[in-house]
Amino acid sequence: MKLLISICLLICLVSCGNSNEDTSQNEQDIALPTLSKQNIQKLNYTEYLLDSKVQVITKNWTKYNELADVISNLKQADLAFFKGNQVILEALITDLKESIPEQLNSPPIISRIIALETKLYKLESVVNLSNATPEEIMASIKEVLVSFSNLNLQMNKKIERESQKIIKP
């Protein structure tokens, strides 16, 4: 009798272990397709590109160009930069803030960089959570893309304002 109960318990334990693995594998299969390049391209936000005058200024701003590469990879659904990479992310943001070109160094641009910094850290933390849902990751990606776009817009506005020649009466 004890042997029969032991065998039943063993079968029950083995079958329960297999179903958990299958369930977690199915959940991963369902979650992965939502983090695709096509879904990121479908995000609804206004993307501002750099004006040609601003491109000339940022051409030698290496940390901005590195950030633009990170954003470009993010648009391709490549989250590798954000996985367990907090030290490099911190270094990029610190160097970005310290190396702002003189023509672009203004409080509105600095505030956009700080806002972008917050969104980058949030995305990094969400990506590294073991229980993060694809919807949370997509929402954080959108926040980063909007924040980066707003930084570009602010830089465009600054250079545009400075290029206007206003004569006071």
C-alpha atoms as a PDB file:
ATOM      1  CA  MET A   1       0.000   0.000   0.000  1.00  0.00           C
ATOM      2  CA  LYS A   2       2.796   2.420   0.956  1.00  0.00           C
ATOM      3  CA  LEU A   3       4.548   1.574  -2.281  1.00  0.00           C
ATOM      4  CA  LEU A   4       1.439   2.360  -4.305  1.00  0.00           C
ATOM      5  CA  ILE A   5       1.006   5.729  -2.559  1.00  0.00           C
ATOM      6  CA  SER A   6       4.691   6.533  -3.090  1.00  0.00           C
ATOM      7  CA  ILE A   7       4.456   5.733  -6.782  1.00  0.00           C
ATOM      8  CA  CYS A   8       1.319   7.861  -7.161  1.00  0.00           C
ATOM      9  CA  LEU A   9       3.011  10.779  -5.401  1.00  0.00           C
ATOM     10  CA  LEU A  10       6.081  10.408  -7.572  1.00  0.00           C
ATOM     11  CA  ILE A  11       3.997  10.393 -10.757  1.00  0.00           C
ATOM     12  CA  CYS A  12       2.037  13.393  -9.530  1.00  0.00           C
ATOM     13  CA  LEU A  13       5.214  15.349  -8.727  1.00  0.00           C
ATOM     14  CA  VAL A  14       6.826  14.536 -12.070  1.00  0.00           C
ATOM     15  CA  SER A  15       3.740  15.486 -14.044  1.00  0.00           C
ATOM     16  CA  CYS A  16       3.293  18.751 -12.102  1.00  0.00           C
ATOM     17  CA  GLY A  17       6.902  19.738 -12.780  1.00  0.00           C
ATOM     18  CA  ASN A  18       6.498  19.181 -16.525  1.00  0.00           C
ATOM     19  CA  SER A  19       3.323  21.221 -16.780  1.00  0.00           C
ATOM     20  CA  ASN A  20       4.951  24.227 -15.070  1.00  0.00           C
ATOM     21  CA  GLU A  21       7.813  24.189 -17.558  1.00  0.00           C
ATOM     22  CA  ASP A  22       5.397  23.950 -20.470  1.00  0.00           C
ATOM     23  CA  THR A  23       3.288  26.789 -19.094  1.00  0.00           C
ATOM     24  CA  SER A  24       6.257  29.105 -18.568  1.00  0.00           C
ATOM     25  CA  GLN A  25       7.561  28.274 -22.057  1.00  0.00           C
ATOM     26  CA  ASN A  26       4.150  29.063 -23.555  1.00  0.00           C
ATOM     27  CA  GLU A  27       4.024  32.372 -21.696  1.00  0.00           C
ATOM     28  CA  GLN A  28       7.435  33.308 -23.119  1.00  0.00           C
ATOM     29  CA  ASP A  29       6.334  32.352 -26.628  1.00  0.00           C
ATOM     30  CA  ILE A  30       3.288  34.585 -26.271  1.00  0.00           C
ATOM     31  CA  ALA A  31       5.263  37.516 -24.811  1.00  0.00           C
ATOM     32  CA  LEU A  32       8.108  37.712 -27.331  1.00  0.00           C
ATOM     33  CA  PRO A  33       6.195  38.653 -30.508  1.00  0.00           C
ATOM     34  CA  THR A  34       4.923  41.884 -28.930  1.00  0.00           C
ATOM     35  CA  LEU A  35       8.500  43.208 -28.709  1.00  0.00           C
ATOM     36  CA  SER A  36       9.209  43.460 -32.406  1.00  0.00           C
ATOM     37  CA  LYS A  37      10.517  46.156 -34.691  1.00  0.00           C
ATOM     38  CA  GLN A  38       7.103  46.429 -36.330  1.00  0.00           C
ATOM     39  CA  ASN A  39       5.324  46.959 -33.005  1.00  0.00           C
ATOM     40  CA  ILE A  40       7.810  49.625 -31.964  1.00  0.00           C
ATOM     41  CA  GLN A  41       7.293  51.379 -35.306  1.00  0.00           C
ATOM     42  CA  LYS A  42       3.547  51.352 -34.618  1.00  0.00           C
ATOM     43  CA  LEU A  43       3.992  53.388 -31.412  1.00  0.00           C
ATOM     44  CA  ASN A  44       2.093  56.629 -31.685  1.00  0.00           C
ATOM     45  CA  TYR A  45       4.363  59.607 -31.002  1.00  0.00           C
ATOM     46  CA  THR A  46       5.751  62.569 -32.897  1.00  0.00           C
ATOM     47  CA  GLU A  47       9.363  62.042 -33.870  1.00  0.00           C
ATOM     48  CA  TYR A  48      11.463  65.160 -34.322  1.00  0.00           C
ATOM     49  CA  LEU A  49      14.676  64.848 -36.283  1.00  0.00           C
ATOM     50  CA  LEU A  50      17.592  67.226 -35.996  1.00  0.00           C
ATOM     51  CA  ASP A  51      17.663  70.304 -38.203  1.00  0.00           C
ATOM     52  CA  SER A  52      20.652  70.547 -40.539  1.00  0.00           C
ATOM     53  CA  LYS A  53      22.138  73.390 -38.452  1.00  0.00           C
ATOM     54  CA  VAL A  54      21.862  71.299 -35.305  1.00  0.00           C
ATOM     55  CA  GLN A  55      23.351  68.293 -37.091  1.00  0.00           C
ATOM     56  CA  VAL A  56      26.474  70.351 -37.783  1.00  0.00           C
ATOM     57  CA  ILE A  57      26.743  71.197 -34.073  1.00  0.00           C
ATOM     58  CA  THR A  58      26.105  67.642 -32.858  1.00  0.00           C
ATOM     59  CA  LYS A  59      28.413  66.082 -35.439  1.00  0.00           C
ATOM     60  CA  ASN A  60      31.339  66.228 -32.984  1.00  0.00           C
ATOM     61  CA  TRP A  61      29.234  65.572 -29.871  1.00  0.00           C
ATOM     62  CA  THR A  62      30.247  61.929 -29.551  1.00  0.00           C
ATOM     63  CA  LYS A  63      28.073  61.100 -26.544  1.00  0.00           C
ATOM     64  CA  TYR A  64      24.953  62.388 -28.291  1.00  0.00           C
ATOM     65  CA  ASN A  65      25.856  60.266 -31.325  1.00  0.00           C
ATOM     66  CA  GLU A  66      26.305  57.218 -29.059  1.00  0.00           C
ATOM     67  CA  LEU A  67      22.901  57.919 -27.547  1.00  0.00           C
ATOM     68  CA  ALA A  68      21.392  58.245 -31.022  1.00  0.00           C
ATOM     69  CA  ASP A  69      22.842  54.808 -31.852  1.00  0.00           C
ATOM     70  CA  VAL A  70      21.281  53.358 -28.686  1.00  0.00           C
ATOM     71  CA  ILE A  71      17.921  54.887 -29.675  1.00  0.00           C
ATOM     72  CA  SER A  72      18.298  53.538 -33.215  1.00  0.00           C
ATOM     73  CA  ASN A  73      18.926  50.043 -31.818  1.00  0.00           C
ATOM     74  CA  LEU A  74      15.943  50.472 -29.522  1.00  0.00           C
ATOM     75  CA  LYS A  75      13.749  51.202 -32.551  1.00  0.00           C
ATOM     76  CA  GLN A  76      14.942  47.870 -33.966  1.00  0.00           C
ATOM     77  CA  ALA A  77      13.703  46.132 -30.757  1.00  0.00           C
ATOM     78  CA  ASP A  78      17.306  45.552 -29.640  1.00  0.00           C
ATOM     79  CA  LEU A  79      17.298  45.873 -25.848  1.00  0.00           C
ATOM     80  CA  ALA A  80      20.801  44.447 -25.335  1.00  0.00           C
ATOM     81  CA  PHE A  81      22.218  47.814 -24.204  1.00  0.00           C
ATOM     82  CA  PHE A  82      19.761  47.917 -21.297  1.00  0.00           C
ATOM     83  CA  LYS A  83      20.241  44.365 -20.036  1.00  0.00           C
ATOM     84  CA  GLY A  84      22.549  44.380 -17.028  1.00  0.00           C
ATOM     85  CA  ASN A  85      24.399  47.403 -18.313  1.00  0.00           C
ATOM     86  CA  GLN A  86      23.725  50.068 -15.679  1.00  0.00           C
ATOM     87  CA  VAL A  87      27.363  51.201 -15.303  1.00  0.00           C
ATOM     88  CA  ILE A  88      27.742  51.929 -19.017  1.00  0.00           C
ATOM     89  CA  LEU A  89      24.335  53.656 -19.078  1.00  0.00           C
ATOM     90  CA  GLU A  90      25.360  55.865 -16.149  1.00  0.00           C
ATOM     91  CA  ALA A  91      28.658  56.717 -17.846  1.00  0.00           C
ATOM     92  CA  LEU A  92      26.907  57.599 -21.107  1.00  0.00           C
ATOM     93  CA  ILE A  93      24.429  59.907 -19.388  1.00  0.00           C
ATOM     94  CA  THR A  94      27.093  61.578 -17.226  1.00  0.00           C
ATOM     95  CA  ASP A  95      29.375  62.156 -20.218  1.00  0.00           C
ATOM     96  CA  LEU A  96      26.423  63.391 -22.290  1.00  0.00           C
ATOM     97  CA  LYS A  97      25.574  66.046 -19.700  1.00  0.00           C
ATOM     98  CA  GLU A  98      29.205  67.088 -19.254  1.00  0.00           C
ATOM     99  CA  SER A  99      29.992  67.393 -22.961  1.00  0.00           C
ATOM    100  CA  ILE A 100      27.104  69.541 -24.195  1.00  0.00           C
ATOM    101  CA  PRO A 101      28.355  71.851 -26.966  1.00  0.00           C
ATOM    102  CA  GLU A 102      28.462  75.528 -26.021  1.00  0.00           C
ATOM    103  CA  GLN A 103      25.807  76.498 -28.585  1.00  0.00           C
ATOM    104  CA  LEU A 104      23.355  74.000 -27.078  1.00  0.00           C
ATOM    105  CA  ASN A 105      24.168  74.437 -23.404  1.00  0.00           C
ATOM    106  CA  SER A 106      20.989  75.967 -22.001  1.00  0.00           C
ATOM    107  CA  PRO A 107      18.561  75.164 -19.163  1.00  0.00           C
ATOM    108  CA  PRO A 108      15.766  73.884 -21.456  1.00  0.00           C
ATOM    109  CA  ILE A 109      18.108  71.436 -23.176  1.00  0.00           C
ATOM    110  CA  ILE A 110      19.639  70.320 -19.883  1.00  0.00           C
ATOM    111  CA  SER A 111      16.155  69.679 -18.516  1.00  0.00           C
ATOM    112  CA  ARG A 112      15.304  67.549 -21.574  1.00  0.00           C
ATOM    113  CA  ILE A 113      18.484  65.553 -21.033  1.00  0.00           C
ATOM    114  CA  ILE A 114      17.517  65.003 -17.390  1.00  0.00           C
ATOM    115  CA  ALA A 115      14.024  63.893 -18.443  1.00  0.00           C
ATOM    116  CA  LEU A 116      15.589  61.508 -20.973  1.00  0.00           C
ATOM    117  CA  GLU A 117      17.930  60.240 -18.266  1.00  0.00           C
ATOM    118  CA  THR A 118      14.943  59.381 -16.066  1.00  0.00           C
ATOM    119  CA  LYS A 119      13.214  57.499 -18.877  1.00  0.00           C
ATOM    120  CA  LEU A 120      16.400  55.606 -19.784  1.00  0.00           C
ATOM    121  CA  TYR A 121      16.848  54.469 -16.183  1.00  0.00           C
ATOM    122  CA  LYS A 122      13.203  53.438 -16.031  1.00  0.00           C
ATOM    123  CA  LEU A 123      13.531  51.388 -19.217  1.00  0.00           C
ATOM    124  CA  GLU A 124      16.719  49.798 -17.924  1.00  0.00           C
ATOM    125  CA  SER A 125      15.000  48.774 -14.687  1.00  0.00           C
ATOM    126  CA  VAL A 126      11.896  47.441 -16.463  1.00  0.00           C
ATOM    127  CA  VAL A 127      13.957  45.423 -18.950  1.00  0.00           C
ATOM    128  CA  ASN A 128      15.913  43.829 -16.098  1.00  0.00           C
ATOM    129  CA  LEU A 129      12.816  42.844 -14.118  1.00  0.00           C
ATOM    130  CA  SER A 130      12.115  39.139 -14.344  1.00  0.00           C
ATOM    131  CA  ASN A 131       8.358  39.681 -14.237  1.00  0.00           C
ATOM    132  CA  ALA A 132       8.069  42.664 -16.595  1.00  0.00           C
ATOM    133  CA  THR A 133       5.291  42.375 -19.120  1.00  0.00           C
ATOM    134  CA  PRO A 134       5.788  43.237 -22.782  1.00  0.00           C
ATOM    135  CA  GLU A 135       3.231  46.034 -22.350  1.00  0.00           C
ATOM    136  CA  GLU A 136       5.334  47.618 -19.587  1.00  0.00           C
ATOM    137  CA  ILE A 137       8.460  47.350 -21.720  1.00  0.00           C
ATOM    138  CA  MET A 138       6.676  48.850 -24.743  1.00  0.00           C
ATOM    139  CA  ALA A 139       5.363  51.732 -22.602  1.00  0.00           C
ATOM    140  CA  SER A 140       8.884  52.440 -21.323  1.00  0.00           C
ATOM    141  CA  ILE A 141      10.295  52.281 -24.856  1.00  0.00           C
ATOM    142  CA  LYS A 142       7.698  54.806 -25.974  1.00  0.00           C
ATOM    143  CA  GLU A 143       8.613  57.126 -23.092  1.00  0.00           C
ATOM    144  CA  VAL A 144      12.294  56.980 -24.074  1.00  0.00           C
ATOM    145  CA  LEU A 145      11.512  57.647 -27.743  1.00  0.00           C
ATOM    146  CA  VAL A 146       9.244  60.594 -26.873  1.00  0.00           C
ATOM    147  CA  SER A 147      11.838  62.011 -24.504  1.00  0.00           C
ATOM    148  CA  PHE A 148      14.624  61.717 -27.100  1.00  0.00           C
ATOM    149  CA  SER A 149      12.372  63.350 -29.687  1.00  0.00           C
ATOM    150  CA  ASN A 150      11.656  66.213 -27.273  1.00  0.00           C
ATOM    151  CA  LEU A 151      15.402  66.714 -26.762  1.00  0.00           C
ATOM    152  CA  ASN A 152      15.829  66.983 -30.538  1.00  0.00           C
ATOM    153  CA  LEU A 153      12.935  69.449 -30.746  1.00  0.00           C
ATOM    154  CA  GLN A 154      14.401  71.623 -27.995  1.00  0.00           C
ATOM    155  CA  MET A 155      17.804  71.720 -29.687  1.00  0.00           C
ATOM    156  CA  ASN A 156      16.131  72.665 -32.982  1.00  0.00           C
ATOM    157  CA  LYS A 157      14.177  75.457 -31.258  1.00  0.00           C
ATOM    158  CA  LYS A 158      17.279  76.879 -29.583  1.00  0.00           C
ATOM    159  CA  ILE A 159      19.264  77.127 -32.800  1.00  0.00           C
ATOM    160  CA  GLU A 160      16.231  78.469 -34.683  1.00  0.00           C
ATOM    161  CA  ARG A 161      15.695  81.229 -32.095  1.00  0.00           C
ATOM    162  CA  GLU A 162      19.349  82.188 -32.202  1.00  0.00           C
ATOM    163  CA  SER A 163      19.361  82.357 -36.000  1.00  0.00           C
ATOM    164  CA  GLN A 164      16.437  84.785 -36.083  1.00  0.00           C
ATOM    165  CA  LYS A 165      17.540  88.366 -36.329  1.00  0.00           C
ATOM    166  CA  ILE A 166      15.046  90.417 -34.423  1.00  0.00           C
ATOM    167  CA  ILE A 167      15.454  94.164 -34.595  1.00  0.00           C
ATOM    168  CA  LYS A 168      13.987  96.033 -31.693  1.00  0.00           C
ATOM    169  CA  PRO A 169      12.409  99.416 -32.459  1.00  0.00           C
END
